[in-house]
Amino acid sequence: MKKKTFLFSALLLVLILVSVTPASAHFMSSGKHSVDNGEIRWGTFHGSTQWTSARNTAIARWDAEGVINIAGDTSSTIEDLSFTDYSSKDGVLGSWTQFPGADRIRFNNYYFDDMRACERNKTALHEMGHALNLDHNSVAGSVMSVFCKRKPYKNAKEIRELCQPNFYDG
Protein backbone atom coordinates (compact mmCIF):
# COMPACT_ATOMS: atom_id res chain seq x y z
CA MET A 1 0.00 0.00 0.00
CA LYS A 2 2.86 2.38 0.84
CA LYS A 3 4.42 1.85 -2.61
CA LYS A 4 1.11 2.54 -4.37
CA THR A 5 0.64 5.71 -2.33
CA PHE A 6 4.19 6.82 -3.08
CA LEU A 7 3.87 6.06 -6.80
CA PHE A 8 0.58 7.96 -6.96
CA SER A 9 2.15 10.91 -5.12
CA ALA A 10 5.19 10.87 -7.40
CA LEU A 11 2.98 10.75 -10.50
CA LEU A 12 0.94 13.65 -9.16
CA LEU A 13 4.16 15.60 -8.55
CA VAL A 14 5.22 15.04 -12.16
CA LEU A 15 1.83 16.17 -13.45
CA ILE A 16 2.04 19.32 -11.35
CA LEU A 17 5.56 20.06 -12.54
CA VAL A 18 4.67 19.50 -16.18
CA SER A 19 1.66 21.81 -15.90
CA VAL A 20 3.66 24.56 -14.19
CA THR A 21 6.80 24.53 -16.34
CA PRO A 22 7.76 23.41 -19.85
CA ALA A 23 9.89 20.71 -18.25
CA SER A 24 9.33 17.01 -18.21
CA ALA A 25 10.43 14.57 -15.55
CA HIS A 26 11.75 11.04 -15.72
CA PHE A 27 11.71 8.73 -12.75
CA MET A 28 14.87 7.03 -11.55
CA SER A 29 15.16 3.32 -10.94
CA SER A 30 12.81 1.88 -8.36
CA GLY A 31 13.75 2.75 -4.80
CA LYS A 32 16.18 5.53 -5.76
CA HIS A 33 14.81 8.36 -3.64
CA SER A 34 14.79 9.80 -0.14
CA VAL A 35 11.01 9.68 0.35
CA ASP A 36 9.86 7.66 3.34
CA ASN A 37 6.14 7.22 4.05
CA GLY A 38 5.21 10.15 1.81
CA GLU A 39 7.68 12.62 3.28
CA ILE A 40 11.32 13.62 3.49
CA ARG A 41 12.71 14.58 6.88
CA TRP A 42 15.98 16.45 6.54
CA GLY A 43 18.64 17.15 9.15
CA THR A 44 22.36 17.01 9.95
CA PHE A 45 23.20 13.29 10.20
CA HIS A 46 26.02 13.60 7.63
CA GLY A 47 26.97 17.14 8.67
CA SER A 48 25.71 20.58 7.69
CA THR A 49 25.95 23.10 4.86
CA GLN A 50 26.92 26.73 4.72
CA TRP A 51 24.51 27.11 1.77
CA THR A 52 21.35 27.19 3.88
CA SER A 53 19.62 29.73 1.63
CA ALA A 54 19.92 27.44 -1.43
CA ARG A 55 18.86 24.44 0.67
CA ASN A 56 15.88 26.29 2.13
CA THR A 57 14.81 27.60 -1.29
CA ALA A 58 14.87 24.08 -2.77
CA ILE A 59 12.95 22.65 0.17
CA ALA A 60 10.33 25.42 0.06
CA ARG A 61 9.85 25.19 -3.73
CA TRP A 62 9.41 21.41 -3.77
CA ASP A 63 7.35 21.35 -0.57
CA ALA A 64 5.02 24.01 -2.03
CA GLU A 65 3.96 21.48 -4.69
CA GLY A 66 2.04 19.81 -1.87
CA VAL A 67 2.69 16.23 -2.96
CA ILE A 68 5.57 15.15 -0.70
CA ASN A 69 5.90 16.71 2.75
CA ILE A 70 9.44 18.01 3.25
CA ALA A 71 10.18 19.01 6.83
CA GLY A 72 13.02 19.23 9.30
CA ASP A 73 13.88 16.19 11.37
CA THR A 74 12.67 16.09 14.96
CA SER A 75 13.44 13.93 17.98
CA SER A 76 10.41 11.79 17.12
CA THR A 77 11.16 11.28 13.39
CA ILE A 78 13.87 9.53 11.41
CA GLU A 79 16.10 11.67 9.21
CA ASP A 80 15.90 10.82 5.51
CA LEU A 81 18.23 13.44 4.00
CA SER A 82 21.27 15.54 4.99
CA PHE A 83 22.87 18.51 3.25
CA THR A 84 26.66 18.87 3.40
CA ASP A 85 29.51 20.63 1.58
CA TYR A 86 32.80 19.58 0.05
CA SER A 87 35.36 21.28 -2.15
CA SER A 88 36.81 19.77 -5.32
CA LYS A 89 37.61 20.88 -8.87
CA ASP A 90 35.73 17.83 -10.17
CA GLY A 91 33.18 19.55 -12.44
CA VAL A 92 30.28 18.59 -10.16
CA LEU A 93 28.23 21.44 -8.70
CA GLY A 94 26.28 19.18 -6.35
CA SER A 95 25.25 15.57 -5.90
CA TRP A 96 22.59 13.39 -4.32
CA THR A 97 23.70 10.03 -2.95
CA GLN A 98 21.58 7.30 -1.44
CA PHE A 99 22.83 5.75 1.81
CA PRO A 100 21.43 3.29 4.32
CA GLY A 101 19.75 5.64 6.77
CA ALA A 102 19.91 9.30 5.74
CA ASP A 103 20.74 10.08 2.10
CA ARG A 104 22.98 13.04 1.32
CA ILE A 105 22.99 16.12 -0.91
CA ARG A 106 26.43 17.69 -1.22
CA PHE A 107 27.21 21.18 -2.53
CA ASN A 108 30.65 21.81 -4.01
CA ASN A 109 32.21 24.89 -2.36
CA TYR A 110 34.82 25.10 -5.14
CA TYR A 111 32.06 26.28 -7.50
CA PHE A 112 29.42 27.55 -5.06
CA ASP A 113 31.81 30.22 -3.72
CA ASP A 114 31.73 31.99 -7.12
CA MET A 115 28.09 31.40 -7.99
CA ARG A 116 25.14 33.77 -7.72
CA ALA A 117 22.22 32.83 -5.49
CA CYS A 118 20.07 31.80 -8.46
CA GLU A 119 22.79 29.40 -9.64
CA ARG A 120 23.09 27.82 -6.20
CA ASN A 121 19.28 27.61 -5.98
CA LYS A 122 19.07 25.81 -9.32
CA THR A 123 21.68 23.30 -8.22
CA ALA A 124 19.88 22.71 -4.91
CA LEU A 125 16.52 22.31 -6.72
CA HIS A 126 18.13 19.84 -9.13
CA GLU A 127 19.66 17.69 -6.38
CA MET A 128 16.45 17.82 -4.33
CA GLY A 129 14.66 16.55 -7.46
CA HIS A 130 16.85 13.43 -7.30
CA ALA A 131 15.85 12.97 -3.66
CA LEU A 132 12.24 13.04 -4.90
CA ASN A 133 12.95 10.27 -7.47
CA LEU A 134 13.36 12.51 -10.53
CA ASP A 135 16.06 11.61 -13.04
CA HIS A 136 17.91 13.75 -15.56
CA ASN A 137 16.21 14.78 -18.78
CA SER A 138 17.21 16.76 -21.85
CA VAL A 139 14.43 19.36 -21.80
CA ALA A 140 15.80 22.89 -22.13
CA GLY A 141 14.95 24.94 -19.03
CA SER A 142 14.00 21.93 -16.91
CA VAL A 143 15.47 21.92 -13.41
CA MET A 144 16.31 18.24 -14.04
CA SER A 145 18.18 18.83 -17.29
CA VAL A 146 21.68 17.39 -17.45
CA PHE A 147 23.29 20.79 -17.09
CA CYS A 148 26.16 19.63 -14.89
CA LYS A 149 27.09 16.30 -16.44
CA ARG A 150 30.53 16.22 -14.78
CA LYS A 151 31.78 18.89 -17.15
CA PRO A 152 34.88 20.55 -15.73
CA TYR A 153 33.70 24.17 -15.64
CA LYS A 154 36.54 26.59 -16.17
CA ASN A 155 35.05 29.56 -14.37
CA ALA A 156 31.95 31.04 -12.80
CA LYS A 157 30.88 32.62 -16.14
CA GLU A 158 30.31 29.16 -17.62
CA ILE A 159 28.21 28.18 -14.61
CA ARG A 160 26.30 31.48 -14.74
CA GLU A 161 24.98 30.59 -18.19
CA LEU A 162 22.94 27.86 -16.50
CA CYS A 163 20.96 30.34 -14.45
CA GLN A 164 17.39 31.35 -15.22
CA PRO A 165 16.76 34.08 -12.62
CA ASN A 166 13.01 34.27 -13.19
CA PHE A 167 12.56 30.85 -11.55
CA TYR A 168 15.68 30.24 -9.49
CA ASP A 169 16.10 33.51 -7.56
CA GLY A 170 14.52 32.65 -4.20
C-alpha atoms as a PDB file:
ATOM      1  CA  MET A   1       0.000   0.000   0.000  1.00  0.00           C
ATOM      2  CA  LYS A   2       2.856   2.385   0.842  1.00  0.00           C
ATOM      3  CA  LYS A   3       4.418   1.852  -2.605  1.00  0.00           C
ATOM      4  CA  LYS A   4       1.106   2.537  -4.367  1.00  0.00           C
ATOM      5  CA  THR A   5       0.635   5.713  -2.325  1.00  0.00           C
ATOM      6  CA  PHE A   6       4.193   6.821  -3.078  1.00  0.00           C
ATOM      7  CA  LEU A   7       3.868   6.062  -6.805  1.00  0.00           C
ATOM      8  CA  PHE A   8       0.575   7.960  -6.959  1.00  0.00           C
ATOM      9  CA  SER A   9       2.154  10.911  -5.121  1.00  0.00           C
ATOM     10  CA  ALA A  10       5.194  10.867  -7.400  1.00  0.00           C
ATOM     11  CA  LEU A  11       2.977  10.752 -10.502  1.00  0.00           C
ATOM     12  CA  LEU A  12       0.937  13.645  -9.157  1.00  0.00           C
ATOM     13  CA  LEU A  13       4.156  15.603  -8.547  1.00  0.00           C
ATOM     14  CA  VAL A  14       5.220  15.039 -12.160  1.00  0.00           C
ATOM     15  CA  LEU A  15       1.825  16.166 -13.450  1.00  0.00           C
ATOM     16  CA  ILE A  16       2.035  19.318 -11.354  1.00  0.00           C
ATOM     17  CA  LEU A  17       5.556  20.065 -12.537  1.00  0.00           C
ATOM     18  CA  VAL A  18       4.667  19.505 -16.176  1.00  0.00           C
ATOM     19  CA  SER A  19       1.655  21.811 -15.897  1.00  0.00           C
ATOM     20  CA  VAL A  20       3.659  24.560 -14.189  1.00  0.00           C
ATOM     21  CA  THR A  21       6.802  24.525 -16.341  1.00  0.00           C
ATOM     22  CA  PRO A  22       7.764  23.411 -19.845  1.00  0.00           C
ATOM     23  CA  ALA A  23       9.889  20.714 -18.248  1.00  0.00           C
ATOM     24  CA  SER A  24       9.331  17.013 -18.205  1.00  0.00           C
ATOM     25  CA  ALA A  25      10.431  14.572 -15.548  1.00  0.00           C
ATOM     26  CA  HIS A  26      11.749  11.045 -15.718  1.00  0.00           C
ATOM     27  CA  PHE A  27      11.707   8.727 -12.747  1.00  0.00           C
ATOM     28  CA  MET A  28      14.866   7.026 -11.550  1.00  0.00           C
ATOM     29  CA  SER A  29      15.160   3.315 -10.945  1.00  0.00           C
ATOM     30  CA  SER A  30      12.806   1.882  -8.362  1.00  0.00           C
ATOM     31  CA  GLY A  31      13.752   2.750  -4.801  1.00  0.00           C
ATOM     32  CA  LYS A  32      16.176   5.534  -5.757  1.00  0.00           C
ATOM     33  CA  HIS A  33      14.806   8.364  -3.640  1.00  0.00           C
ATOM     34  CA  SER A  34      14.789   9.801  -0.135  1.00  0.00           C
ATOM     35  CA  VAL A  35      11.012   9.683   0.349  1.00  0.00           C
ATOM     36  CA  ASP A  36       9.862   7.658   3.344  1.00  0.00           C
ATOM     37  CA  ASN A  37       6.141   7.220   4.050  1.00  0.00           C
ATOM     38  CA  GLY A  38       5.210  10.147   1.806  1.00  0.00           C
ATOM     39  CA  GLU A  39       7.676  12.617   3.282  1.00  0.00           C
ATOM     40  CA  ILE A  40      11.323  13.618   3.490  1.00  0.00           C
ATOM     41  CA  ARG A  41      12.708  14.583   6.882  1.00  0.00           C
ATOM     42  CA  TRP A  42      15.984  16.446   6.544  1.00  0.00           C
ATOM     43  CA  GLY A  43      18.643  17.153   9.152  1.00  0.00           C
ATOM     44  CA  THR A  44      22.360  17.005   9.952  1.00  0.00           C
ATOM     45  CA  PHE A  45      23.195  13.289  10.199  1.00  0.00           C
ATOM     46  CA  HIS A  46      26.017  13.600   7.626  1.00  0.00           C
ATOM     47  CA  GLY A  47      26.969  17.140   8.668  1.00  0.00           C
ATOM     48  CA  SER A  48      25.706  20.584   7.689  1.00  0.00           C
ATOM     49  CA  THR A  49      25.953  23.105   4.859  1.00  0.00           C
ATOM     50  CA  GLN A  50      26.918  26.734   4.718  1.00  0.00           C
ATOM     51  CA  TRP A  51      24.506  27.110   1.768  1.00  0.00           C
ATOM     52  CA  THR A  52      21.351  27.194   3.883  1.00  0.00           C
ATOM     53  CA  SER A  53      19.619  29.729   1.632  1.00  0.00           C
ATOM     54  CA  ALA A  54      19.920  27.441  -1.431  1.00  0.00           C
ATOM     55  CA  ARG A  55      18.861  24.437   0.671  1.00  0.00           C
ATOM     56  CA  ASN A  56      15.876  26.286   2.131  1.00  0.00           C
ATOM     57  CA  THR A  57      14.808  27.595  -1.290  1.00  0.00           C
ATOM     58  CA  ALA A  58      14.868  24.082  -2.770  1.00  0.00           C
ATOM     59  CA  ILE A  59      12.946  22.649   0.171  1.00  0.00           C
ATOM     60  CA  ALA A  60      10.334  25.424   0.056  1.00  0.00           C
ATOM     61  CA  ARG A  61       9.848  25.189  -3.728  1.00  0.00           C
ATOM     62  CA  TRP A  62       9.412  21.410  -3.774  1.00  0.00           C
ATOM     63  CA  ASP A  63       7.349  21.350  -0.570  1.00  0.00           C
ATOM     64  CA  ALA A  64       5.016  24.008  -2.033  1.00  0.00           C
ATOM     65  CA  GLU A  65       3.962  21.484  -4.690  1.00  0.00           C
ATOM     66  CA  GLY A  66       2.040  19.811  -1.867  1.00  0.00           C
ATOM     67  CA  VAL A  67       2.695  16.230  -2.955  1.00  0.00           C
ATOM     68  CA  ILE A  68       5.565  15.155  -0.701  1.00  0.00           C
ATOM     69  CA  ASN A  69       5.896  16.708   2.754  1.00  0.00           C
ATOM     70  CA  ILE A  70       9.437  18.010   3.247  1.00  0.00           C
ATOM     71  CA  ALA A  71      10.178  19.007   6.830  1.00  0.00           C
ATOM     72  CA  GLY A  72      13.017  19.229   9.301  1.00  0.00           C
ATOM     73  CA  ASP A  73      13.883  16.187  11.369  1.00  0.00           C
ATOM     74  CA  THR A  74      12.669  16.090  14.962  1.00  0.00           C
ATOM     75  CA  SER A  75      13.438  13.927  17.980  1.00  0.00           C
ATOM     76  CA  SER A  76      10.409  11.786  17.117  1.00  0.00           C
ATOM     77  CA  THR A  77      11.156  11.283  13.395  1.00  0.00           C
ATOM     78  CA  ILE A  78      13.866   9.534  11.411  1.00  0.00           C
ATOM     79  CA  GLU A  79      16.104  11.673   9.213  1.00  0.00           C
ATOM     80  CA  ASP A  80      15.903  10.823   5.508  1.00  0.00           C
ATOM     81  CA  LEU A  81      18.233  13.442   3.999  1.00  0.00           C
ATOM     82  CA  SER A  82      21.267  15.538   4.989  1.00  0.00           C
ATOM     83  CA  PHE A  83      22.872  18.515   3.249  1.00  0.00           C
ATOM     84  CA  THR A  84      26.663  18.867   3.401  1.00  0.00           C
ATOM     85  CA  ASP A  85      29.505  20.626   1.580  1.00  0.00           C
ATOM     86  CA  TYR A  86      32.799  19.575   0.053  1.00  0.00           C
ATOM     87  CA  SER A  87      35.365  21.275  -2.148  1.00  0.00           C
ATOM     88  CA  SER A  88      36.807  19.769  -5.322  1.00  0.00           C
ATOM     89  CA  LYS A  89      37.613  20.884  -8.867  1.00  0.00           C
ATOM     90  CA  ASP A  90      35.728  17.830 -10.169  1.00  0.00           C
ATOM     91  CA  GLY A  91      33.183  19.555 -12.443  1.00  0.00           C
ATOM     92  CA  VAL A  92      30.279  18.589 -10.163  1.00  0.00           C
ATOM     93  CA  LEU A  93      28.231  21.438  -8.698  1.00  0.00           C
ATOM     94  CA  GLY A  94      26.280  19.175  -6.354  1.00  0.00           C
ATOM     95  CA  SER A  95      25.252  15.568  -5.902  1.00  0.00           C
ATOM     96  CA  TRP A  96      22.589  13.387  -4.315  1.00  0.00           C
ATOM     97  CA  THR A  97      23.703  10.029  -2.950  1.00  0.00           C
ATOM     98  CA  GLN A  98      21.577   7.296  -1.439  1.00  0.00           C
ATOM     99  CA  PHE A  99      22.825   5.749   1.806  1.00  0.00           C
ATOM    100  CA  PRO A 100      21.426   3.288   4.324  1.00  0.00           C
ATOM    101  CA  GLY A 101      19.753   5.639   6.769  1.00  0.00           C
ATOM    102  CA  ALA A 102      19.911   9.295   5.740  1.00  0.00           C
ATOM    103  CA  ASP A 103      20.735  10.082   2.101  1.00  0.00           C
ATOM    104  CA  ARG A 104      22.982  13.040   1.318  1.00  0.00           C
ATOM    105  CA  ILE A 105      22.986  16.115  -0.913  1.00  0.00           C
ATOM    106  CA  ARG A 106      26.428  17.685  -1.220  1.00  0.00           C
ATOM    107  CA  PHE A 107      27.208  21.177  -2.528  1.00  0.00           C
ATOM    108  CA  ASN A 108      30.650  21.812  -4.007  1.00  0.00           C
ATOM    109  CA  ASN A 109      32.212  24.890  -2.361  1.00  0.00           C
ATOM    110  CA  TYR A 110      34.823  25.102  -5.135  1.00  0.00           C
ATOM    111  CA  TYR A 111      32.056  26.278  -7.500  1.00  0.00           C
ATOM    112  CA  PHE A 112      29.417  27.552  -5.060  1.00  0.00           C
ATOM    113  CA  ASP A 113      31.808  30.220  -3.723  1.00  0.00           C
ATOM    114  CA  ASP A 114      31.732  31.987  -7.122  1.00  0.00           C
ATOM    115  CA  MET A 115      28.086  31.396  -7.985  1.00  0.00           C
ATOM    116  CA  ARG A 116      25.137  33.772  -7.721  1.00  0.00           C
ATOM    117  CA  ALA A 117      22.222  32.830  -5.488  1.00  0.00           C
ATOM    118  CA  CYS A 118      20.067  31.799  -8.456  1.00  0.00           C
ATOM    119  CA  GLU A 119      22.787  29.396  -9.639  1.00  0.00           C
ATOM    120  CA  ARG A 120      23.092  27.819  -6.198  1.00  0.00           C
ATOM    121  CA  ASN A 121      19.283  27.615  -5.983  1.00  0.00           C
ATOM    122  CA  LYS A 122      19.069  25.808  -9.321  1.00  0.00           C
ATOM    123  CA  THR A 123      21.681  23.297  -8.221  1.00  0.00           C
ATOM    124  CA  ALA A 124      19.883  22.711  -4.913  1.00  0.00           C
ATOM    125  CA  LEU A 125      16.524  22.310  -6.719  1.00  0.00           C
ATOM    126  CA  HIS A 126      18.125  19.840  -9.125  1.00  0.00           C
ATOM    127  CA  GLU A 127      19.656  17.690  -6.378  1.00  0.00           C
ATOM    128  CA  MET A 128      16.453  17.817  -4.335  1.00  0.00           C
ATOM    129  CA  GLY A 129      14.664  16.553  -7.461  1.00  0.00           C
ATOM    130  CA  HIS A 130      16.851  13.431  -7.302  1.00  0.00           C
ATOM    131  CA  ALA A 131      15.854  12.965  -3.658  1.00  0.00           C
ATOM    132  CA  LEU A 132      12.242  13.037  -4.903  1.00  0.00           C
ATOM    133  CA  ASN A 133      12.951  10.268  -7.472  1.00  0.00           C
ATOM    134  CA  LEU A 134      13.357  12.514 -10.531  1.00  0.00           C
ATOM    135  CA  ASP A 135      16.063  11.611 -13.037  1.00  0.00           C
ATOM    136  CA  HIS A 136      17.914  13.748 -15.561  1.00  0.00           C
ATOM    137  CA  ASN A 137      16.213  14.784 -18.780  1.00  0.00           C
ATOM    138  CA  SER A 138      17.211  16.761 -21.854  1.00  0.00           C
ATOM    139  CA  VAL A 139      14.429  19.362 -21.797  1.00  0.00           C
ATOM    140  CA  ALA A 140      15.797  22.893 -22.128  1.00  0.00           C
ATOM    141  CA  GLY A 141      14.946  24.940 -19.032  1.00  0.00           C
ATOM    142  CA  SER A 142      13.997  21.935 -16.906  1.00  0.00           C
ATOM    143  CA  VAL A 143      15.475  21.921 -13.415  1.00  0.00           C
ATOM    144  CA  MET A 144      16.305  18.238 -14.040  1.00  0.00           C
ATOM    145  CA  SER A 145      18.182  18.828 -17.289  1.00  0.00           C
ATOM    146  CA  VAL A 146      21.681  17.386 -17.450  1.00  0.00           C
ATOM    147  CA  PHE A 147      23.294  20.794 -17.094  1.00  0.00           C
ATOM    148  CA  CYS A 148      26.157  19.626 -14.895  1.00  0.00           C
ATOM    149  CA  LYS A 149      27.093  16.301 -16.440  1.00  0.00           C
ATOM    150  CA  ARG A 150      30.534  16.221 -14.777  1.00  0.00           C
ATOM    151  CA  LYS A 151      31.782  18.894 -17.150  1.00  0.00           C
ATOM    152  CA  PRO A 152      34.884  20.550 -15.734  1.00  0.00           C
ATOM    153  CA  TYR A 153      33.698  24.165 -15.645  1.00  0.00           C
ATOM    154  CA  LYS A 154      36.544  26.588 -16.174  1.00  0.00           C
ATOM    155  CA  ASN A 155      35.049  29.558 -14.370  1.00  0.00           C
ATOM    156  CA  ALA A 156      31.945  31.036 -12.804  1.00  0.00           C
ATOM    157  CA  LYS A 157      30.883  32.616 -16.136  1.00  0.00           C
ATOM    158  CA  GLU A 158      30.306  29.158 -17.620  1.00  0.00           C
ATOM    159  CA  ILE A 159      28.213  28.180 -14.607  1.00  0.00           C
ATOM    160  CA  ARG A 160      26.304  31.484 -14.744  1.00  0.00           C
ATOM    161  CA  GLU A 161      24.982  30.587 -18.194  1.00  0.00           C
ATOM    162  CA  LEU A 162      22.937  27.858 -16.496  1.00  0.00           C
ATOM    163  CA  CYS A 163      20.963  30.345 -14.453  1.00  0.00           C
ATOM    164  CA  GLN A 164      17.385  31.355 -15.215  1.00  0.00           C
ATOM    165  CA  PRO A 165      16.763  34.083 -12.620  1.00  0.00           C
ATOM    166  CA  ASN A 166      13.007  34.275 -13.189  1.00  0.00           C
ATOM    167  CA  PHE A 167      12.559  30.849 -11.549  1.00  0.00           C
ATOM    168  CA  TYR A 168      15.683  30.242  -9.492  1.00  0.00           C
ATOM    169  CA  ASP A 169      16.104  33.507  -7.562  1.00  0.00           C
ATOM    170  CA  GLY A 170      14.518  32.650  -4.197  1.00  0.00           C
END
